[in-house]
C-alpha cells in the first residue's frame, strides 16, 4: 500500500530549493533554477509507493516505468543519475524522505534517523534484469542535515509540530 503524507509549506520557491541543495548536488541545483513556479504556500500532499522495514530500518521505494533506452547500460551509473536529475526525482525522493522522517518521528519512540532510516530505492522496471544485478536500481541515503534543511525551508523555519 502507498503511504499518504501531507505537511504544511510556507512560501516555497525555486531560490529556496536551490539554497537547500547547493552544497550537495551541483548539477541538480542548476537544474532547479529551471523550475518555473510562483511562490507556493499551503500543504504538500503526496504518496510514497512503498515503505518497508528490514532489520529495524525503514526504506522507501518508488517504482518507475520510464524508458531510458534499449541497452542495459542506459539504466546504470551516470545515465541513471542523469535521469534522476532530469525528471526531478532527486527532489521527489528528498521530499519523500522528509515525509517518512516526519512520520517516523511521530510514530516511533526514541526515533533516530541514523538508526531507523535505511534509505531510498528508485526501481526503473524496464532496466531490472536478474542477469545484471543492480541494473535499473538507484539508491541513496540522504544526509540527515540536508533533510532537516529541506524541512525547515519548506515549513518556513518551523518544525512539523510548530507548523501544524
Foldseek 3Di string as FASTA:
>chain_A
DKDKFKFWFDFDDLVLVLVLCVVPDPVLSVVSVVDDDGGDTGMDIDIFPDWDDDPQAIETEDEAQDDQDDDLVCQDDPNVVVVCSVVVVVVVVLVVVLRVQLVCVVPDPPDDLVRHHDWYWYAHPVNDDPVDPPGRIDIDRDDPVSSVSVQCNGQVNDHRVVSD
